[in-house]
Each structure stands twice: as C-alpha cells, then as structure tokens.
C-alpha cells in the first residue's frame, strides 16, 4: 500500500482537479487521475484513479479502478482493483473491491465485500 502522501503528490497523468471551493453536480467520467478536493454530487465512473482529498466530499456512487479516500463520501464505492482509506476519512456507504485497506482512525459506516 502506498502512503497517502505518495498518492496526493501524484502529478503525472492528472486529468482533472476539483479543488476546495468548487462544487459539481451530475455524472462524471474521466481517464487518468482525478484529484477531488471540492464537493461533488452525483455518479463518478473511471477505469483509472480517483483521489478524494481531505477537503473533498462526494455524495453519490463511485465506480473506478482505484479509489483513494481521505475526505468524506456518502454513497457506495466499487473498485475494480482496490480501495485505500486514510484518516480523517468519513464514509457512509458500502465498499466493494478485491483489496480494501483502512487506516486506523477512519470513520466507516457500511458493509464491505472483497472479491472479484
């Protein structure tokens, strides 16, 4: 498992950034890496990497290859590869992925399902 800092420092192949102070509603799909530090309401789909930063908030379902969370999510997260959750993350929803890791101190209310 990479550290949270390693993921947050990723700048190569970043295809989008929604920074703190920005809000977006609707359906979002992208290629590459998206760093979300603002608010998003709706559905997110990617075959790549979604990083929800400390200041990020997502209300809706997520389907991605890799999801890294240190912000807040209300909704289900489905990852084809893995989900990594770092404090101070707060998640209310279900998690499904072949690999799920959760740092001590995370707040999680939901169910997990690991497997293909």
N, C-alpha and C. Protein backbone atom coordinates (compact mmCIF):
# COMPACT_ATOMS: atom_id res chain seq x y z
N UNK A 1 0.85 -1.18 0.00
CA UNK A 1 0.00 0.00 0.00
C UNK A 1 0.89 1.24 0.00
N UNK A 2 0.66 2.10 -0.96
CA UNK A 2 1.37 3.37 -0.98
C UNK A 2 0.84 4.23 0.15
N UNK A 3 1.66 5.18 0.59
CA UNK A 3 1.19 6.08 1.63
C UNK A 3 0.28 7.13 1.02
N UNK A 4 -0.54 7.72 1.87
CA UNK A 4 -1.45 8.78 1.44
C UNK A 4 -0.65 9.91 0.77
N UNK A 5 0.49 10.24 1.34
CA UNK A 5 1.30 11.33 0.79
C UNK A 5 1.79 11.01 -0.62
N UNK A 6 2.12 9.74 -0.88
CA UNK A 6 2.57 9.37 -2.22
C UNK A 6 1.46 9.59 -3.25
N UNK A 7 0.23 9.24 -2.90
CA UNK A 7 -0.87 9.45 -3.83
C UNK A 7 -1.19 10.93 -4.01
N UNK A 8 -1.16 11.69 -2.93
CA UNK A 8 -1.51 13.11 -3.03
C UNK A 8 -0.45 13.89 -3.79
N UNK A 9 0.77 13.38 -3.89
CA UNK A 9 1.82 14.06 -4.63
C UNK A 9 1.83 13.69 -6.10
N UNK A 10 1.00 12.72 -6.49
CA UNK A 10 0.95 12.32 -7.90
C UNK A 10 0.56 13.51 -8.77
N UNK A 11 1.39 13.85 -9.71
CA UNK A 11 1.06 14.92 -10.63
C UNK A 11 1.09 14.44 -12.08
N UNK A 12 1.75 13.30 -12.32
CA UNK A 12 1.78 12.76 -13.67
C UNK A 12 0.39 12.22 -14.03
N UNK A 13 -0.02 12.46 -15.22
CA UNK A 13 -1.28 11.93 -15.75
C UNK A 13 -2.52 12.45 -15.03
N UNK A 14 -2.41 13.51 -14.25
CA UNK A 14 -3.60 14.08 -13.62
C UNK A 14 -4.44 14.71 -14.73
N UNK A 15 -5.66 14.19 -14.87
CA UNK A 15 -6.51 14.70 -15.95
C UNK A 15 -7.51 15.71 -15.44
N UNK A 16 -7.62 15.85 -14.12
CA UNK A 16 -8.55 16.83 -13.59
C UNK A 16 -8.37 17.07 -12.11
N UNK A 17 -8.77 18.27 -11.71
CA UNK A 17 -8.73 18.65 -10.30
C UNK A 17 -9.99 19.43 -9.99
N UNK A 18 -10.69 19.03 -8.96
CA UNK A 18 -11.81 19.81 -8.44
C UNK A 18 -11.37 20.26 -7.05
N UNK A 19 -10.95 21.50 -6.95
CA UNK A 19 -10.35 21.99 -5.72
C UNK A 19 -11.40 22.44 -4.72
N UNK A 20 -10.94 22.61 -3.47
CA UNK A 20 -11.80 23.15 -2.43
C UNK A 20 -12.40 24.47 -2.89
N UNK A 21 -13.66 24.70 -2.57
CA UNK A 21 -14.36 25.89 -3.02
C UNK A 21 -15.13 25.66 -4.31
N UNK A 22 -14.87 24.55 -4.99
CA UNK A 22 -15.58 24.20 -6.23
C UNK A 22 -16.65 23.16 -5.91
N UNK A 23 -17.79 23.28 -6.61
CA UNK A 23 -18.87 22.30 -6.48
C UNK A 23 -19.28 21.85 -7.86
N UNK A 24 -19.63 20.55 -7.96
CA UNK A 24 -20.01 19.98 -9.24
C UNK A 24 -21.11 18.97 -8.99
N UNK A 25 -22.15 18.99 -9.84
CA UNK A 25 -23.25 18.03 -9.73
C UNK A 25 -23.46 17.38 -11.09
N UNK A 26 -23.77 16.07 -11.06
CA UNK A 26 -24.06 15.37 -12.30
C UNK A 26 -23.34 14.05 -12.40
N UNK A 27 -23.01 13.66 -13.63
CA UNK A 27 -22.27 12.43 -13.89
C UNK A 27 -20.88 12.81 -14.37
N UNK A 28 -19.88 12.17 -13.78
CA UNK A 28 -18.50 12.50 -14.10
C UNK A 28 -17.78 11.24 -14.55
N UNK A 29 -17.16 11.29 -15.72
CA UNK A 29 -16.29 10.21 -16.17
C UNK A 29 -15.01 10.84 -16.68
N UNK A 30 -13.90 10.13 -16.51
CA UNK A 30 -12.61 10.68 -16.89
C UNK A 30 -11.61 9.55 -17.10
N UNK A 31 -10.47 9.90 -17.71
CA UNK A 31 -9.35 8.99 -17.86
C UNK A 31 -8.17 9.59 -17.12
N UNK A 32 -7.32 8.75 -16.56
CA UNK A 32 -6.16 9.25 -15.83
C UNK A 32 -6.47 9.34 -14.35
N UNK A 33 -5.98 10.40 -13.73
CA UNK A 33 -6.13 10.60 -12.29
C UNK A 33 -6.92 11.87 -12.04
N UNK A 34 -7.94 11.79 -11.20
CA UNK A 34 -8.70 12.97 -10.79
C UNK A 34 -8.48 13.18 -9.30
N UNK A 35 -8.10 14.39 -8.94
CA UNK A 35 -7.95 14.76 -7.53
C UNK A 35 -9.13 15.64 -7.16
N UNK A 36 -9.92 15.20 -6.20
CA UNK A 36 -11.13 15.90 -5.82
C UNK A 36 -10.96 16.46 -4.41
N UNK A 37 -10.93 17.77 -4.31
CA UNK A 37 -10.82 18.44 -3.01
C UNK A 37 -12.04 19.30 -2.73
N UNK A 38 -12.95 19.39 -3.68
CA UNK A 38 -14.18 20.16 -3.54
C UNK A 38 -15.36 19.25 -3.26
N UNK A 39 -16.54 19.70 -3.64
CA UNK A 39 -17.78 18.94 -3.40
C UNK A 39 -18.32 18.41 -4.73
N UNK A 40 -18.77 17.15 -4.70
CA UNK A 40 -19.35 16.54 -5.88
C UNK A 40 -20.60 15.78 -5.47
N UNK A 41 -21.67 15.97 -6.25
CA UNK A 41 -22.92 15.23 -6.01
C UNK A 41 -23.33 14.56 -7.32
N UNK A 42 -23.44 13.24 -7.30
CA UNK A 42 -23.82 12.50 -8.50
C UNK A 42 -23.08 11.19 -8.60
N UNK A 43 -22.79 10.77 -9.83
CA UNK A 43 -22.13 9.49 -10.09
C UNK A 43 -20.76 9.75 -10.70
N UNK A 44 -19.78 8.94 -10.27
CA UNK A 44 -18.43 9.04 -10.81
C UNK A 44 -18.05 7.69 -11.40
N UNK A 45 -17.51 7.71 -12.64
CA UNK A 45 -17.05 6.49 -13.30
C UNK A 45 -15.70 6.74 -13.94
N UNK A 46 -14.77 5.81 -13.71
CA UNK A 46 -13.48 5.85 -14.39
C UNK A 46 -12.86 4.46 -14.38
N UNK A 47 -12.05 4.19 -15.38
CA UNK A 47 -11.25 2.97 -15.40
C UNK A 47 -9.89 3.24 -14.79
N UNK A 48 -9.74 4.41 -14.18
CA UNK A 48 -8.45 4.81 -13.64
C UNK A 48 -8.56 5.14 -12.15
N UNK A 49 -7.92 6.23 -11.71
CA UNK A 49 -7.73 6.52 -10.29
C UNK A 49 -8.50 7.77 -9.86
N UNK A 50 -9.26 7.64 -8.78
CA UNK A 50 -9.93 8.78 -8.15
C UNK A 50 -9.31 8.98 -6.77
N UNK A 51 -8.86 10.20 -6.50
CA UNK A 51 -8.31 10.55 -5.20
C UNK A 51 -9.22 11.60 -4.57
N UNK A 52 -9.81 11.27 -3.44
CA UNK A 52 -10.66 12.22 -2.71
C UNK A 52 -9.83 12.74 -1.54
N UNK A 53 -9.43 13.99 -1.65
CA UNK A 53 -8.55 14.59 -0.66
C UNK A 53 -9.28 14.93 0.64
N UNK A 54 -8.53 15.33 1.66
CA UNK A 54 -9.10 15.64 2.98
C UNK A 54 -10.30 16.58 2.90
N UNK A 55 -10.22 17.59 2.04
CA UNK A 55 -11.29 18.58 1.92
C UNK A 55 -12.40 18.14 0.97
N UNK A 56 -12.25 16.98 0.34
CA UNK A 56 -13.22 16.52 -0.65
C UNK A 56 -14.45 15.90 -0.03
N UNK A 57 -15.60 16.08 -0.71
CA UNK A 57 -16.87 15.49 -0.28
C UNK A 57 -17.60 14.97 -1.51
N UNK A 58 -18.00 13.70 -1.46
CA UNK A 58 -18.76 13.09 -2.56
C UNK A 58 -20.05 12.54 -1.99
N UNK A 59 -21.17 12.92 -2.61
CA UNK A 59 -22.47 12.36 -2.29
C UNK A 59 -22.94 11.65 -3.55
N UNK A 60 -22.82 10.33 -3.56
CA UNK A 60 -23.19 9.56 -4.74
C UNK A 60 -22.33 8.32 -4.85
N UNK A 61 -22.60 7.52 -5.85
CA UNK A 61 -21.88 6.26 -6.03
C UNK A 61 -20.66 6.44 -6.92
N UNK A 62 -19.63 5.63 -6.63
CA UNK A 62 -18.36 5.69 -7.34
C UNK A 62 -18.04 4.32 -7.90
N UNK A 63 -17.64 4.29 -9.18
CA UNK A 63 -17.12 3.08 -9.81
C UNK A 63 -15.80 3.46 -10.47
N UNK A 64 -14.70 2.83 -10.01
CA UNK A 64 -13.38 3.18 -10.52
C UNK A 64 -12.46 1.97 -10.44
N UNK A 65 -11.26 2.11 -11.01
CA UNK A 65 -10.27 1.05 -10.87
C UNK A 65 -9.65 1.13 -9.47
N UNK A 66 -9.21 2.32 -9.09
CA UNK A 66 -8.60 2.55 -7.77
C UNK A 66 -9.25 3.79 -7.17
N UNK A 67 -9.62 3.70 -5.88
CA UNK A 67 -10.18 4.84 -5.17
C UNK A 67 -9.36 5.04 -3.90
N UNK A 68 -8.84 6.26 -3.72
CA UNK A 68 -8.09 6.63 -2.53
C UNK A 68 -8.91 7.72 -1.84
N UNK A 69 -9.27 7.50 -0.57
CA UNK A 69 -10.15 8.43 0.14
C UNK A 69 -9.49 8.91 1.42
N UNK A 70 -9.47 10.23 1.60
CA UNK A 70 -9.15 10.81 2.90
C UNK A 70 -10.17 11.89 3.25
N UNK A 71 -11.17 12.06 2.40
CA UNK A 71 -12.25 13.02 2.63
C UNK A 71 -13.52 12.31 3.06
N UNK A 72 -14.66 12.87 2.68
CA UNK A 72 -15.96 12.32 3.08
C UNK A 72 -16.71 11.78 1.87
N UNK A 73 -17.34 10.61 2.06
CA UNK A 73 -18.14 10.00 1.00
C UNK A 73 -19.44 9.50 1.61
N UNK A 74 -20.56 9.87 0.99
CA UNK A 74 -21.87 9.31 1.33
C UNK A 74 -22.35 8.63 0.06
N UNK A 75 -22.22 7.31 0.02
CA UNK A 75 -22.56 6.53 -1.16
C UNK A 75 -21.68 5.31 -1.25
N UNK A 76 -21.96 4.46 -2.20
CA UNK A 76 -21.22 3.22 -2.37
C UNK A 76 -19.98 3.43 -3.23
N UNK A 77 -18.90 2.71 -2.87
CA UNK A 77 -17.66 2.75 -3.64
C UNK A 77 -17.38 1.34 -4.15
N UNK A 78 -17.29 1.22 -5.47
CA UNK A 78 -16.95 -0.05 -6.11
C UNK A 78 -15.66 0.16 -6.90
N UNK A 79 -14.65 -0.63 -6.58
CA UNK A 79 -13.37 -0.51 -7.27
C UNK A 79 -13.00 -1.85 -7.91
N UNK A 80 -12.49 -1.79 -9.12
CA UNK A 80 -12.08 -3.00 -9.82
C UNK A 80 -10.77 -3.55 -9.27
N UNK A 81 -9.95 -2.68 -8.69
CA UNK A 81 -8.64 -3.08 -8.20
C UNK A 81 -8.54 -2.95 -6.68
N UNK A 82 -8.64 -1.70 -6.17
CA UNK A 82 -8.51 -1.52 -4.73
C UNK A 82 -9.10 -0.20 -4.24
N UNK A 83 -9.40 -0.20 -2.94
CA UNK A 83 -9.84 0.99 -2.22
C UNK A 83 -8.88 1.19 -1.06
N UNK A 84 -8.34 2.39 -0.93
CA UNK A 84 -7.48 2.73 0.20
C UNK A 84 -8.10 3.92 0.91
N UNK A 85 -8.22 3.81 2.24
CA UNK A 85 -8.89 4.85 3.02
C UNK A 85 -7.95 5.31 4.13
N UNK A 86 -7.74 6.62 4.20
CA UNK A 86 -6.83 7.22 5.16
C UNK A 86 -7.56 8.22 6.03
N UNK A 87 -7.15 8.35 7.31
CA UNK A 87 -7.76 9.34 8.17
C UNK A 87 -7.45 10.72 7.61
N UNK A 88 -8.32 11.66 7.70
CA UNK A 88 -9.54 11.73 8.52
C UNK A 88 -10.81 11.33 7.76
N UNK A 89 -10.73 10.36 6.88
CA UNK A 89 -11.88 9.97 6.05
C UNK A 89 -13.10 9.59 6.87
N UNK A 90 -14.27 9.92 6.31
CA UNK A 90 -15.56 9.52 6.87
C UNK A 90 -16.38 8.97 5.70
N UNK A 91 -16.79 7.70 5.81
CA UNK A 91 -17.53 7.07 4.73
C UNK A 91 -18.81 6.47 5.28
N UNK A 92 -19.93 6.80 4.62
CA UNK A 92 -21.21 6.18 4.94
C UNK A 92 -21.71 5.55 3.65
N UNK A 93 -21.50 4.24 3.54
CA UNK A 93 -21.87 3.51 2.33
C UNK A 93 -21.13 2.19 2.29
N UNK A 94 -21.38 1.43 1.26
CA UNK A 94 -20.78 0.11 1.12
C UNK A 94 -19.53 0.17 0.26
N UNK A 95 -18.58 -0.71 0.58
CA UNK A 95 -17.33 -0.80 -0.16
C UNK A 95 -17.23 -2.17 -0.82
N UNK A 96 -16.80 -2.19 -2.08
CA UNK A 96 -16.62 -3.45 -2.79
C UNK A 96 -15.38 -3.35 -3.66
N UNK A 97 -14.41 -4.27 -3.43
CA UNK A 97 -13.17 -4.30 -4.21
C UNK A 97 -12.40 -5.58 -3.87
N UNK A 98 -11.49 -6.00 -4.75
CA UNK A 98 -10.66 -7.15 -4.41
C UNK A 98 -9.73 -6.87 -3.23
N UNK A 99 -9.34 -5.60 -3.05
CA UNK A 99 -8.45 -5.21 -1.96
C UNK A 99 -8.98 -3.94 -1.31
N UNK A 100 -9.16 -3.98 0.00
CA UNK A 100 -9.62 -2.81 0.75
C UNK A 100 -8.70 -2.62 1.94
N UNK A 101 -8.13 -1.42 2.09
CA UNK A 101 -7.31 -1.12 3.26
C UNK A 101 -7.83 0.14 3.92
N UNK A 102 -7.78 0.15 5.24
CA UNK A 102 -8.35 1.24 6.02
C UNK A 102 -7.39 1.59 7.16
N UNK A 103 -6.96 2.83 7.19
CA UNK A 103 -6.06 3.29 8.24
C UNK A 103 -6.83 3.45 9.55
N UNK A 104 -6.14 3.20 10.66
CA UNK A 104 -6.76 3.41 11.96
C UNK A 104 -7.17 4.87 12.10
N UNK A 105 -8.36 5.11 12.65
CA UNK A 105 -8.85 6.47 12.84
C UNK A 105 -9.89 6.88 11.81
N UNK A 106 -10.11 6.06 10.80
CA UNK A 106 -11.14 6.32 9.78
C UNK A 106 -12.51 6.05 10.38
N UNK A 107 -13.52 6.84 9.99
CA UNK A 107 -14.90 6.59 10.41
C UNK A 107 -15.61 5.94 9.22
N UNK A 108 -16.14 4.72 9.45
CA UNK A 108 -16.77 3.98 8.37
C UNK A 108 -18.07 3.37 8.88
N UNK A 109 -19.17 3.63 8.15
CA UNK A 109 -20.49 3.08 8.48
C UNK A 109 -21.04 2.42 7.22
N UNK A 110 -20.93 1.10 7.15
CA UNK A 110 -21.39 0.40 5.96
C UNK A 110 -20.91 -1.04 5.98
N UNK A 111 -20.99 -1.68 4.83
CA UNK A 111 -20.56 -3.07 4.67
C UNK A 111 -19.43 -3.14 3.67
N UNK A 112 -18.61 -4.18 3.80
CA UNK A 112 -17.54 -4.39 2.84
C UNK A 112 -17.73 -5.73 2.14
N UNK A 113 -17.29 -5.77 0.88
CA UNK A 113 -17.31 -7.02 0.12
C UNK A 113 -15.99 -7.07 -0.65
N UNK A 114 -15.21 -8.11 -0.39
CA UNK A 114 -13.94 -8.28 -1.09
C UNK A 114 -14.02 -9.50 -1.98
N UNK A 115 -13.50 -9.38 -3.17
CA UNK A 115 -13.51 -10.46 -4.14
C UNK A 115 -13.55 -9.89 -5.53
N UNK A 116 -13.57 -10.74 -6.50
CA UNK A 116 -13.56 -10.32 -7.90
C UNK A 116 -14.87 -9.72 -8.30
